[in-house]
Every structure is written in C-alpha cells, then in structure tokens.
C-alpha atoms as a PDB file:
ATOM      1  CA  ALA A   1     145.941 201.900 243.529  1.00  0.00           C
ATOM      2  CA  ILE A   2     142.441 201.981 242.602  1.00  0.00           C
ATOM      3  CA  PRO A   3     141.567 198.637 240.672  1.00  0.00           C
ATOM      4  CA  LYS A   4     140.366 199.007 237.329  1.00  0.00           C
ATOM      5  CA  PRO A   5     136.598 198.640 236.516  1.00  0.00           C
ATOM      6  CA  PRO A   6     135.426 195.398 234.875  1.00  0.00           C
ATOM      7  CA  ARG A   7     135.053 195.391 231.061  1.00  0.00           C
ATOM      8  CA  PRO A   8     131.611 195.102 229.785  1.00  0.00           C
ATOM      9  CA  ASN A   9     130.482 192.124 228.106  1.00  0.00           C
ATOM     10  CA  GLN A  10     127.902 193.830 225.831  1.00  0.00           C
ATOM     11  CA  PRO A  11     128.234 196.698 223.386  1.00  0.00           C
ATOM     12  CA  PHE A  12     127.559 200.102 225.028  1.00  0.00           C
ATOM     13  CA  ILE A  13     124.841 202.279 223.827  1.00  0.00           C
ATOM     14  CA  THR A  14     126.120 205.495 222.660  1.00  0.00           C
ATOM     15  CA  PRO A  15     125.163 208.803 224.123  1.00  0.00           C
ATOM     16  CA  ASP A  16     123.181 209.400 221.210  1.00  0.00           C
ATOM     17  CA  GLN A  17     121.031 206.357 221.811  1.00  0.00           C
ATOM     18  CA  VAL A  18     120.346 207.663 225.248  1.00  0.00           C
ATOM     19  CA  GLY A  19     116.576 208.042 225.522  1.00  0.00           C
ATOM     20  CA  ALA A  20     116.073 206.479 222.165  1.00  0.00           C
ATOM     21  CA  GLY A  21     113.476 204.199 223.306  1.00  0.00           C
ATOM     22  CA  GLY A  22     111.020 206.751 223.996  1.00  0.00           C
ATOM     23  CA  ASP A  23     110.330 205.557 227.648  1.00  0.00           C
ATOM     24  CA  ASN A  24     110.914 208.361 230.023  1.00  0.00           C
ATOM     25  CA  SER A  25     109.416 206.675 233.024  1.00  0.00           C
ATOM     26  CA  GLN A  26     112.964 205.736 234.011  1.00  0.00           C
ATOM     27  CA  HIS A  27     114.632 208.937 233.170  1.00  0.00           C
ATOM     28  CA  ARG A  28     116.445 210.472 236.025  1.00  0.00           C
ATOM     29  CA  VAL A  29     119.538 212.984 236.335  1.00  0.00           C
ATOM     30  CA  LEU A  30     121.979 212.567 239.283  1.00  0.00           C
ATOM     31  CA  ILE A  31     125.153 214.470 239.969  1.00  0.00           C
ATOM     32  CA  LYS A  32     128.177 212.220 241.027  1.00  0.00           C
ATOM     33  CA  LYS A  33     131.515 213.296 241.929  1.00  0.00           C
ATOM     34  CA  ALA A  34     134.638 211.594 240.718  1.00  0.00           C
ATOM     35  CA  MET A  35     136.674 210.075 243.680  1.00  0.00           C
ATOM     36  CA  SER A  36     139.347 209.674 241.223  1.00  0.00           C
ATOM     37  CA  GLY A  37     140.594 210.711 237.855  1.00  0.00           C
ATOM     38  CA  TYR A  38     139.966 208.308 234.836  1.00  0.00           C
ATOM     39  CA  GLU A  39     141.748 208.357 231.333  1.00  0.00           C
ATOM     40  CA  ALA A  40     139.350 206.814 228.579  1.00  0.00           C
ATOM     41  CA  LEU A  41     140.759 203.682 227.312  1.00  0.00           C
ATOM     42  CA  LYS A  42     138.135 203.239 224.723  1.00  0.00           C
ATOM     43  CA  GLU A  43     136.477 205.331 222.538  1.00  0.00           C
ATOM     44  CA  GLY A  44     133.131 206.731 223.888  1.00  0.00           C
ATOM     45  CA  GLU A  45     134.381 206.468 227.498  1.00  0.00           C
ATOM     46  CA  LEU A  46     134.637 209.533 229.617  1.00  0.00           C
ATOM     47  CA  SER A  47     137.999 211.051 230.794  1.00  0.00           C
ATOM     48  CA  PHE A  48     137.534 213.283 234.179  1.00  0.00           C
ATOM     49  CA  SER A  49     139.966 214.468 236.948  1.00  0.00           C
ATOM     50  CA  GLU A  50     139.296 213.669 240.642  1.00  0.00           C
ATOM     51  CA  GLY A  51     136.638 215.917 242.030  1.00  0.00           C
ATOM     52  CA  SER A  52     134.923 216.400 238.732  1.00  0.00           C
ATOM     53  CA  LEU A  53     131.323 216.735 238.514  1.00  0.00           C
ATOM     54  CA  ILE A  54     129.517 214.298 236.307  1.00  0.00           C
ATOM     55  CA  THR A  55     125.734 214.340 235.512  1.00  0.00           C
ATOM     56  CA  GLU A  56     124.669 210.810 235.028  1.00  0.00           C
ATOM     57  CA  ILE A  57     122.443 210.451 232.191  1.00  0.00           C
ATOM     58  CA  SER A  58     121.364 206.925 231.950  1.00  0.00           C
ATOM     59  CA  GLN A  59     122.797 203.355 233.495  1.00  0.00           C
ATOM     60  CA  ASP A  60     123.602 200.492 230.979  1.00  0.00           C
ATOM     61  CA  ALA A  61     121.165 197.873 231.935  1.00  0.00           C
ATOM     62  CA  ASP A  62     123.252 195.100 229.815  1.00  0.00           C
ATOM     63  CA  ASN A  63     126.697 196.485 231.409  1.00  0.00           C
ATOM     64  CA  PRO A  64     126.045 196.768 235.209  1.00  0.00           C
ATOM     65  CA  GLY A  65     128.002 199.481 236.880  1.00  0.00           C
ATOM     66  CA  TRP A  66     128.479 201.364 233.599  1.00  0.00           C
ATOM     67  CA  CYS A  67     126.779 204.781 233.154  1.00  0.00           C
ATOM     68  CA  VAL A  68     126.497 207.423 230.527  1.00  0.00           C
ATOM     69  CA  GLY A  69     127.268 210.796 231.731  1.00  0.00           C
ATOM     70  CA  ARG A  70     128.135 214.528 230.878  1.00  0.00           C
ATOM     71  CA  LEU A  71     130.823 216.919 232.156  1.00  0.00           C
ATOM     72  CA  PRO A  72     130.167 220.421 232.707  1.00  0.00           C
ATOM     73  CA  ASP A  73     131.865 221.277 229.665  1.00  0.00           C
ATOM     74  CA  GLY A  74     129.294 219.247 227.756  1.00  0.00           C
ATOM     75  CA  THR A  75     131.810 216.287 227.074  1.00  0.00           C
ATOM     76  CA  THR A  76     129.622 213.015 227.109  1.00  0.00           C
ATOM     77  CA  GLY A  77     130.687 209.435 227.589  1.00  0.00           C
ATOM     78  CA  ARG A  78     130.558 206.272 229.401  1.00  0.00           C
ATOM     79  CA  PHE A  79     132.128 205.865 232.961  1.00  0.00           C
ATOM     80  CA  HIS A  80     132.228 202.978 235.770  1.00  0.00           C
ATOM     81  CA  SER A  81     130.319 204.025 238.682  1.00  0.00           C
ATOM     82  CA  SER A  82     133.164 202.626 241.064  1.00  0.00           C
ATOM     83  CA  PHE A  83     134.871 205.872 240.171  1.00  0.00           C
ATOM     84  CA  VAL A  84     132.424 208.166 241.444  1.00  0.00           C
ATOM     85  CA  GLU A  85     130.018 209.041 244.543  1.00  0.00           C
ATOM     86  CA  ASP A  86     126.844 210.714 245.011  1.00  0.00           C
ATOM     87  CA  VAL A  87     126.773 214.348 245.584  1.00  0.00           C
ATOM     88  CA  PRO A  88     124.746 215.167 248.938  1.00  0.00           C
ATOM     89  CA  PRO A  89     122.110 217.741 247.976  1.00  0.00           C
ATOM     90  CA  GLU A  90     123.719 220.292 250.528  1.00  0.00           C
ATOM     91  CA  GLU A  91     126.978 220.088 248.567  1.00  0.00           C
ATOM     92  CA  LEU A  92     124.900 220.697 245.186  1.00  0.00           C
ATOM     93  CA  ALA A  93     123.592 223.740 246.658  1.00  0.00           C
ATOM     94  CA  ALA A  94     126.912 225.288 247.150  1.00  0.00           C
ATOM     95  CA  VAL A  95     128.098 224.745 243.482  1.00  0.00           C
END
C-alpha cells in the first residue's frame, strides 16, 4: 500500500490565489504523471487516476511537497508530489 502524504501544517493557497502575488519570475509549468490514483480527502484537493497527466501550476512554499495542478479536463486542485513523477520530454511529444 502506498503511504498517505503528510498533512499540511499551514493553510493551502487556493487555485484562485495562484499568481496573485504578481511575481511571475518563479512561474513555471511542469507536466506530471500520476503513479497511482488519489481520491481527494479535503475540499480543494485533486482526485485523479493512475496515469493521469497533471499540469503543475505552482508549489506551496508553506507546505513542502504540496502542489497546485490542473487535469486535462480543467479540474484544478492540490495534490502531493509523492503521487506523481516527471514526464520525460520524449513522452510529452507523443501525447
């Protein structure tokens, strides 16, 4: 069984707050692939299936390992990085 990710100790930023600070110097977009499925336990978390591609919008500096991402259908929410892996560029080209 896959261990559950650690619970954050700080309030999350909401997807609506992403980029609200106006500092785009740290803005980057990465594509991640889910190594296993995850069913959201709290409001604002992202549910996804194994193999889902998730666009990482930002990382939560106050809650290490937690990110905000978007699924291809437009659903946005938080997820823990322990459930995903980077997608190699050659695999992205095939999508």
